[in-house]
Amino acid sequence: MTTQKATNIQWHQGLISRADRERLKGHKSATIWFTGLPSSGKSTLAAATEEALFERGCHTYILDGDNIRHGLNKNLGFSPEDREENIRRIGEVTKLLRDAGVVNMTAFISPYRKDRANARSLSSGDDFIEVYIDCSVEECERRDPKGMYKKAKAGIIKEFTGVSAPYEPPENPEIHLRTDQLSIDQCVQLIVDYLVKKGMIPSTK
């Protein structure tokens, strides 16, 4: 699905650069890529992180797995091939958002290391921050608000990550959060501290 089909096209460079947009916004742009098992806390943490950054005056946007499948990726299922294309498209969108000067967060299972690496390859350096939302399968199943694990174990849902489809955890994530041991506030603070330390956002609100 990544083969270039269009011909006679060229890239048009605008007069306003990413650096210009970052200067206007008062912070660096970046992608915070949350990855982990279903019900591990990705969407919850993305929302809480966005709120904390918004309160600091940052321009933010969340790309959530379920939301994206209602529109941009509505034609994709959960086969390995569709999962790969799902993440490829999101990687391209995060690249556009970084260029727009936005701190964007993705909340996708993104189970395959190769696909996450491909998304990272579109970044310019330290502006791609992989956050491993580490939570035991048992705890994820206990939390599960939609009863997906139960349906997957009963064979009702096919190709469900953590039950009938694999998850490849990050080997060297920028941030590793044990959401079965830390509170939401503690996790958010660790993310904000990382961004401040890297000089991506102001140190104070």
C-alpha atoms as a PDB file:
ATOM      1  CA  MET A   1       0.000   0.000   0.000  1.00  0.00           C
ATOM      2  CA  THR A   2       3.016   2.305   0.097  1.00  0.00           C
ATOM      3  CA  THR A   3       3.788   2.231  -3.629  1.00  0.00           C
ATOM      4  CA  GLN A   4       3.755   5.680  -5.225  1.00  0.00           C
ATOM      5  CA  LYS A   5       0.979   5.672  -7.828  1.00  0.00           C
ATOM      6  CA  ALA A   6       0.617   9.361  -8.649  1.00  0.00           C
ATOM      7  CA  THR A   7       2.929  10.796 -11.295  1.00  0.00           C
ATOM      8  CA  ASN A   8       3.817  14.312 -12.401  1.00  0.00           C
ATOM      9  CA  ILE A   9       3.725  15.636  -8.831  1.00  0.00           C
ATOM     10  CA  GLN A  10       6.195  17.739  -6.896  1.00  0.00           C
ATOM     11  CA  TRP A  11       6.575  18.999  -3.340  1.00  0.00           C
ATOM     12  CA  HIS A  12       5.586  22.646  -2.851  1.00  0.00           C
ATOM     13  CA  GLN A  13       7.461  24.409  -0.077  1.00  0.00           C
ATOM     14  CA  GLY A  14       5.564  27.134   1.797  1.00  0.00           C
ATOM     15  CA  LEU A  15       7.001  30.411   3.064  1.00  0.00           C
ATOM     16  CA  ILE A  16       6.388  29.608   6.747  1.00  0.00           C
ATOM     17  CA  SER A  17       8.588  26.923   8.293  1.00  0.00           C
ATOM     18  CA  ARG A  18       8.066  24.558  11.190  1.00  0.00           C
ATOM     19  CA  ALA A  19      10.524  26.644  13.207  1.00  0.00           C
ATOM     20  CA  ASP A  20       8.386  29.721  12.499  1.00  0.00           C
ATOM     21  CA  ARG A  21       5.292  27.935  13.794  1.00  0.00           C
ATOM     22  CA  GLU A  22       7.105  26.665  16.884  1.00  0.00           C
ATOM     23  CA  ARG A  23       8.336  30.179  17.643  1.00  0.00           C
ATOM     24  CA  LEU A  24       4.800  31.538  17.350  1.00  0.00           C
ATOM     25  CA  LYS A  25       3.417  28.826  19.654  1.00  0.00           C
ATOM     26  CA  GLY A  26       6.223  29.086  22.215  1.00  0.00           C
ATOM     27  CA  HIS A  27       7.088  25.404  22.302  1.00  0.00           C
ATOM     28  CA  LYS A  28       8.562  22.638  20.166  1.00  0.00           C
ATOM     29  CA  SER A  29       6.366  20.240  18.237  1.00  0.00           C
ATOM     30  CA  ALA A  30       6.571  16.524  18.877  1.00  0.00           C
ATOM     31  CA  THR A  31       4.757  13.210  18.660  1.00  0.00           C
ATOM     32  CA  ILE A  32       4.058  11.349  21.892  1.00  0.00           C
ATOM     33  CA  TRP A  33       3.377   7.818  20.701  1.00  0.00           C
ATOM     34  CA  PHE A  34       1.469   5.790  23.321  1.00  0.00           C
ATOM     35  CA  THR A  35       1.626   2.048  22.675  1.00  0.00           C
ATOM     36  CA  GLY A  36       0.413  -0.875  24.750  1.00  0.00           C
ATOM     37  CA  LEU A  37      -2.171  -3.607  25.127  1.00  0.00           C
ATOM     38  CA  PRO A  38      -5.907  -2.914  24.839  1.00  0.00           C
ATOM     39  CA  SER A  39      -7.213  -1.305  28.059  1.00  0.00           C
ATOM     40  CA  SER A  40      -3.686  -0.577  29.304  1.00  0.00           C
ATOM     41  CA  GLY A  41      -4.504   3.133  29.607  1.00  0.00           C
ATOM     42  CA  LYS A  42      -3.363   4.692  26.324  1.00  0.00           C
ATOM     43  CA  SER A  43      -6.432   6.825  25.608  1.00  0.00           C
ATOM     44  CA  THR A  44      -6.845   7.813  29.250  1.00  0.00           C
ATOM     45  CA  LEU A  45      -3.233   8.939  29.517  1.00  0.00           C
ATOM     46  CA  ALA A  46      -3.282  10.720  26.169  1.00  0.00           C
ATOM     47  CA  ALA A  47      -6.309  12.737  27.283  1.00  0.00           C
ATOM     48  CA  ALA A  48      -4.791  13.549  30.670  1.00  0.00           C
ATOM     49  CA  THR A  49      -1.462  14.502  29.097  1.00  0.00           C
ATOM     50  CA  GLU A  50      -3.182  16.746  26.575  1.00  0.00           C
ATOM     51  CA  GLU A  51      -5.059  18.503  29.377  1.00  0.00           C
ATOM     52  CA  ALA A  52      -1.823  19.115  31.297  1.00  0.00           C
ATOM     53  CA  LEU A  53      -0.063  20.467  28.203  1.00  0.00           C
ATOM     54  CA  PHE A  54      -3.049  22.589  27.191  1.00  0.00           C
ATOM     55  CA  GLU A  55      -2.994  24.202  30.631  1.00  0.00           C
ATOM     56  CA  ARG A  56       0.630  25.118  29.935  1.00  0.00           C
ATOM     57  CA  GLY A  57      -0.386  26.891  26.744  1.00  0.00           C
ATOM     58  CA  CYS A  58       0.699  24.144  24.349  1.00  0.00           C
ATOM     59  CA  HIS A  59      -1.074  23.520  21.052  1.00  0.00           C
ATOM     60  CA  THR A  60      -2.072  19.860  21.135  1.00  0.00           C
ATOM     61  CA  TYR A  61      -4.044  17.193  19.311  1.00  0.00           C
ATOM     62  CA  ILE A  62      -4.874  13.530  19.996  1.00  0.00           C
ATOM     63  CA  LEU A  63      -5.109  10.819  17.363  1.00  0.00           C
ATOM     64  CA  ASP A  64      -7.046   7.989  19.009  1.00  0.00           C
ATOM     65  CA  GLY A  65      -7.244   4.520  17.512  1.00  0.00           C
ATOM     66  CA  ASP A  66     -11.033   4.105  17.679  1.00  0.00           C
ATOM     67  CA  ASN A  67     -11.693   7.663  16.496  1.00  0.00           C
ATOM     68  CA  ILE A  68      -9.418   7.330  13.467  1.00  0.00           C
ATOM     69  CA  ARG A  69     -11.192   4.127  12.419  1.00  0.00           C
ATOM     70  CA  HIS A  70     -14.443   6.101  12.173  1.00  0.00           C
ATOM     71  CA  GLY A  71     -13.002   8.237   9.381  1.00  0.00           C
ATOM     72  CA  LEU A  72      -9.503   8.220   7.904  1.00  0.00           C
ATOM     73  CA  ASN A  73      -9.013   4.478   8.407  1.00  0.00           C
ATOM     74  CA  LYS A  74     -12.618   3.293   8.253  1.00  0.00           C
ATOM     75  CA  ASN A  75     -11.712   0.934   5.396  1.00  0.00           C
ATOM     76  CA  LEU A  76      -9.169  -0.998   7.490  1.00  0.00           C
ATOM     77  CA  GLY A  77      -9.717  -4.054   9.667  1.00  0.00           C
ATOM     78  CA  PHE A  78      -7.396  -5.809  12.101  1.00  0.00           C
ATOM     79  CA  SER A  79      -5.430  -8.177   9.905  1.00  0.00           C
ATOM     80  CA  PRO A  80      -1.633  -7.786  10.095  1.00  0.00           C
ATOM     81  CA  GLU A  81      -1.691  -6.034   6.716  1.00  0.00           C
ATOM     82  CA  ASP A  82      -4.430  -3.620   7.758  1.00  0.00           C
ATOM     83  CA  ARG A  83      -2.721  -2.910  11.067  1.00  0.00           C
ATOM     84  CA  GLU A  84       0.448  -2.023   9.166  1.00  0.00           C
ATOM     85  CA  GLU A  85      -1.419   0.364   6.861  1.00  0.00           C
ATOM     86  CA  ASN A  86      -3.292   1.833   9.833  1.00  0.00           C
ATOM     87  CA  ILE A  87      -0.034   2.810  11.521  1.00  0.00           C
ATOM     88  CA  ARG A  88       1.587   3.931   8.258  1.00  0.00           C
ATOM     89  CA  ARG A  89      -1.182   6.453   7.694  1.00  0.00           C
ATOM     90  CA  ILE A  90      -1.027   7.663  11.279  1.00  0.00           C
ATOM     91  CA  GLY A  91       2.727   8.067  11.030  1.00  0.00           C
ATOM     92  CA  GLU A  92       2.224  10.360   8.044  1.00  0.00           C
ATOM     93  CA  VAL A  93      -0.425  12.376   9.884  1.00  0.00           C
ATOM     94  CA  THR A  94       1.843  12.851  12.904  1.00  0.00           C
ATOM     95  CA  LYS A  95       4.559  14.109  10.568  1.00  0.00           C
ATOM     96  CA  LEU A  96       2.146  16.745   9.244  1.00  0.00           C
ATOM     97  CA  LEU A  97       1.148  17.752  12.770  1.00  0.00           C
ATOM     98  CA  ARG A  98       4.790  18.138  13.795  1.00  0.00           C
ATOM     99  CA  ASP A  99       5.340  20.372  10.786  1.00  0.00           C
ATOM    100  CA  ALA A 100       2.295  22.373  11.903  1.00  0.00           C
ATOM    101  CA  GLY A 101       4.003  22.978  15.253  1.00  0.00           C
ATOM    102  CA  VAL A 102       1.601  20.809  17.251  1.00  0.00           C
ATOM    103  CA  VAL A 103       2.365  18.473  20.151  1.00  0.00           C
ATOM    104  CA  ASN A 104       0.388  15.456  19.008  1.00  0.00           C
ATOM    105  CA  MET A 105      -0.398  12.280  20.899  1.00  0.00           C
ATOM    106  CA  THR A 106      -1.324   8.920  19.408  1.00  0.00           C
ATOM    107  CA  ALA A 107      -3.239   6.270  21.315  1.00  0.00           C
ATOM    108  CA  PHE A 108      -2.896   3.119  19.222  1.00  0.00           C
ATOM    109  CA  ILE A 109      -2.058  -0.429  20.184  1.00  0.00           C
ATOM    110  CA  SER A 110       0.459  -0.381  17.311  1.00  0.00           C
ATOM    111  CA  PRO A 111       1.537  -3.933  18.181  1.00  0.00           C
ATOM    112  CA  TYR A 112       4.446  -4.379  15.765  1.00  0.00           C
ATOM    113  CA  ARG A 113       7.915  -2.919  16.370  1.00  0.00           C
ATOM    114  CA  LYS A 114       8.536  -2.564  12.646  1.00  0.00           C
ATOM    115  CA  ASP A 115       5.488  -0.358  12.159  1.00  0.00           C
ATOM    116  CA  ARG A 116       6.422   1.862  15.109  1.00  0.00           C
ATOM    117  CA  ALA A 117       9.971   2.099  13.764  1.00  0.00           C
ATOM    118  CA  ASN A 118       8.617   3.186  10.383  1.00  0.00           C
ATOM    119  CA  ALA A 119       6.562   5.913  12.063  1.00  0.00           C
ATOM    120  CA  ARG A 120       9.653   7.035  13.961  1.00  0.00           C
ATOM    121  CA  SER A 121      11.688   7.127  10.742  1.00  0.00           C
ATOM    122  CA  LEU A 122       9.523  10.027   9.548  1.00  0.00           C
ATOM    123  CA  SER A 123      10.708  12.185  12.446  1.00  0.00           C
ATOM    124  CA  SER A 124      13.737  14.452  12.485  1.00  0.00           C
ATOM    125  CA  GLY A 125      15.280  13.225  15.727  1.00  0.00           C
ATOM    126  CA  ASP A 126      14.132  13.507  19.323  1.00  0.00           C
ATOM    127  CA  ASP A 127      10.650  14.754  18.401  1.00  0.00           C
ATOM    128  CA  PHE A 128       9.234  11.200  18.364  1.00  0.00           C
ATOM    129  CA  ILE A 129       8.674  10.025  21.929  1.00  0.00           C
ATOM    130  CA  GLU A 130       7.606   6.426  22.320  1.00  0.00           C
ATOM    131  CA  VAL A 131       5.716   5.830  25.566  1.00  0.00           C
ATOM    132  CA  TYR A 132       5.276   2.190  26.510  1.00  0.00           C
ATOM    133  CA  ILE A 133       2.071   1.778  28.519  1.00  0.00           C
ATOM    134  CA  ASP A 134       3.037  -1.368  30.363  1.00  0.00           C
ATOM    135  CA  CYS A 135       0.214  -3.210  32.095  1.00  0.00           C
ATOM    136  CA  SER A 136      -0.344  -6.887  32.787  1.00  0.00           C
ATOM    137  CA  VAL A 137      -2.876  -8.733  30.673  1.00  0.00           C
ATOM    138  CA  GLU A 138      -4.727  -9.644  33.858  1.00  0.00           C
ATOM    139  CA  GLU A 139      -5.111  -6.007  34.867  1.00  0.00           C
ATOM    140  CA  CYS A 140      -6.078  -4.961  31.331  1.00  0.00           C
ATOM    141  CA  GLU A 141      -8.772  -7.629  31.312  1.00  0.00           C
ATOM    142  CA  ARG A 142     -10.032  -6.502  34.723  1.00  0.00           C
ATOM    143  CA  ARG A 143     -10.316  -2.893  33.548  1.00  0.00           C
ATOM    144  CA  ASP A 144     -11.728  -3.686  30.102  1.00  0.00           C
ATOM    145  CA  PRO A 145     -14.681  -1.265  29.729  1.00  0.00           C
ATOM    146  CA  LYS A 146     -16.031  -2.890  26.545  1.00  0.00           C
ATOM    147  CA  GLY A 147     -15.660  -6.546  27.524  1.00  0.00           C
ATOM    148  CA  MET A 148     -13.353  -7.129  24.565  1.00  0.00           C
ATOM    149  CA  TYR A 149     -11.026  -9.596  26.298  1.00  0.00           C
ATOM    150  CA  LYS A 150     -13.960 -11.768  27.314  1.00  0.00           C
ATOM    151  CA  LYS A 151     -15.297 -11.734  23.753  1.00  0.00           C
ATOM    152  CA  ALA A 152     -11.840 -12.494  22.353  1.00  0.00           C
ATOM    153  CA  LYS A 153     -11.370 -15.467  24.662  1.00  0.00           C
ATOM    154  CA  ALA A 154     -14.788 -16.742  23.624  1.00  0.00           C
ATOM    155  CA  GLY A 155     -13.750 -16.514  19.981  1.00  0.00           C
ATOM    156  CA  ILE A 156     -16.286 -13.799  19.187  1.00  0.00           C
ATOM    157  CA  ILE A 157     -13.585 -11.250  18.338  1.00  0.00           C
ATOM    158  CA  LYS A 158     -10.807 -12.467  16.052  1.00  0.00           C
ATOM    159  CA  GLU A 159      -7.214 -11.172  15.897  1.00  0.00           C
ATOM    160  CA  PHE A 160      -7.411  -9.454  19.287  1.00  0.00           C
ATOM    161  CA  THR A 161      -4.061  -8.209  20.570  1.00  0.00           C
ATOM    162  CA  GLY A 162      -2.981  -9.903  23.781  1.00  0.00           C
ATOM    163  CA  VAL A 163      -5.257 -12.903  23.243  1.00  0.00           C
ATOM    164  CA  SER A 164      -5.255 -14.115  19.621  1.00  0.00           C
ATOM    165  CA  ALA A 165      -2.829 -11.625  18.057  1.00  0.00           C
ATOM    166  CA  PRO A 166       0.704 -10.726  19.190  1.00  0.00           C
ATOM    167  CA  TYR A 167       2.002  -7.581  20.851  1.00  0.00           C
ATOM    168  CA  GLU A 168       5.696  -6.724  20.523  1.00  0.00           C
ATOM    169  CA  PRO A 169       6.655  -4.431  23.419  1.00  0.00           C
ATOM    170  CA  PRO A 170       9.129  -1.602  22.782  1.00  0.00           C
ATOM    171  CA  GLU A 171      12.744  -2.481  23.499  1.00  0.00           C
ATOM    172  CA  ASN A 172      14.010   1.066  24.095  1.00  0.00           C
ATOM    173  CA  PRO A 173      11.087   3.441  24.637  1.00  0.00           C
ATOM    174  CA  GLU A 174      11.802   7.000  25.696  1.00  0.00           C
ATOM    175  CA  ILE A 175       9.310   6.580  28.543  1.00  0.00           C
ATOM    176  CA  HIS A 176       8.202   3.344  30.214  1.00  0.00           C
ATOM    177  CA  LEU A 177       5.102   3.597  32.417  1.00  0.00           C
ATOM    178  CA  ARG A 178       3.694   0.816  34.578  1.00  0.00           C
ATOM    179  CA  THR A 179       0.063   1.838  34.646  1.00  0.00           C
ATOM    180  CA  ASP A 180      -0.807  -1.024  36.969  1.00  0.00           C
ATOM    181  CA  GLN A 181       1.513   0.525  39.574  1.00  0.00           C
ATOM    182  CA  LEU A 182       1.381   4.292  38.950  1.00  0.00           C
ATOM    183  CA  SER A 183      -1.561   6.701  39.096  1.00  0.00           C
ATOM    184  CA  ILE A 184      -2.664   8.728  36.082  1.00  0.00           C
ATOM    185  CA  ASP A 185      -1.288  11.903  37.691  1.00  0.00           C
ATOM    186  CA  GLN A 186       2.090  10.261  38.311  1.00  0.00           C
ATOM    187  CA  CYS A 187       2.295   9.079  34.709  1.00  0.00           C
ATOM    188  CA  VAL A 188       1.378  12.487  33.328  1.00  0.00           C
ATOM    189  CA  GLN A 189       3.972  14.173  35.520  1.00  0.00           C
ATOM    190  CA  LEU A 190       6.681  11.841  34.239  1.00  0.00           C
ATOM    191  CA  ILE A 191       5.764  12.715  30.653  1.00  0.00           C
ATOM    192  CA  VAL A 192       5.677  16.461  31.343  1.00  0.00           C
ATOM    193  CA  ASP A 193       9.007  16.262  33.188  1.00  0.00           C
ATOM    194  CA  TYR A 194      10.553  14.511  30.187  1.00  0.00           C
ATOM    195  CA  LEU A 195       9.327  17.193  27.781  1.00  0.00           C
ATOM    196  CA  VAL A 196      10.634  19.965  30.042  1.00  0.00           C
ATOM    197  CA  LYS A 197      13.999  18.242  30.451  1.00  0.00           C
ATOM    198  CA  LYS A 198      14.338  17.953  26.661  1.00  0.00           C
ATOM    199  CA  GLY A 199      13.520  21.633  26.233  1.00  0.00           C
ATOM    200  CA  MET A 200      10.373  20.918  24.221  1.00  0.00           C
ATOM    201  CA  ILE A 201       7.937  22.823  26.433  1.00  0.00           C
ATOM    202  CA  PRO A 202       8.363  25.689  28.954  1.00  0.00           C
ATOM    203  CA  SER A 203       9.397  24.655  32.467  1.00  0.00           C
ATOM    204  CA  THR A 204       6.494  26.554  34.057  1.00  0.00           C
ATOM    205  CA  LYS A 205       2.844  27.104  33.173  1.00  0.00           C
END
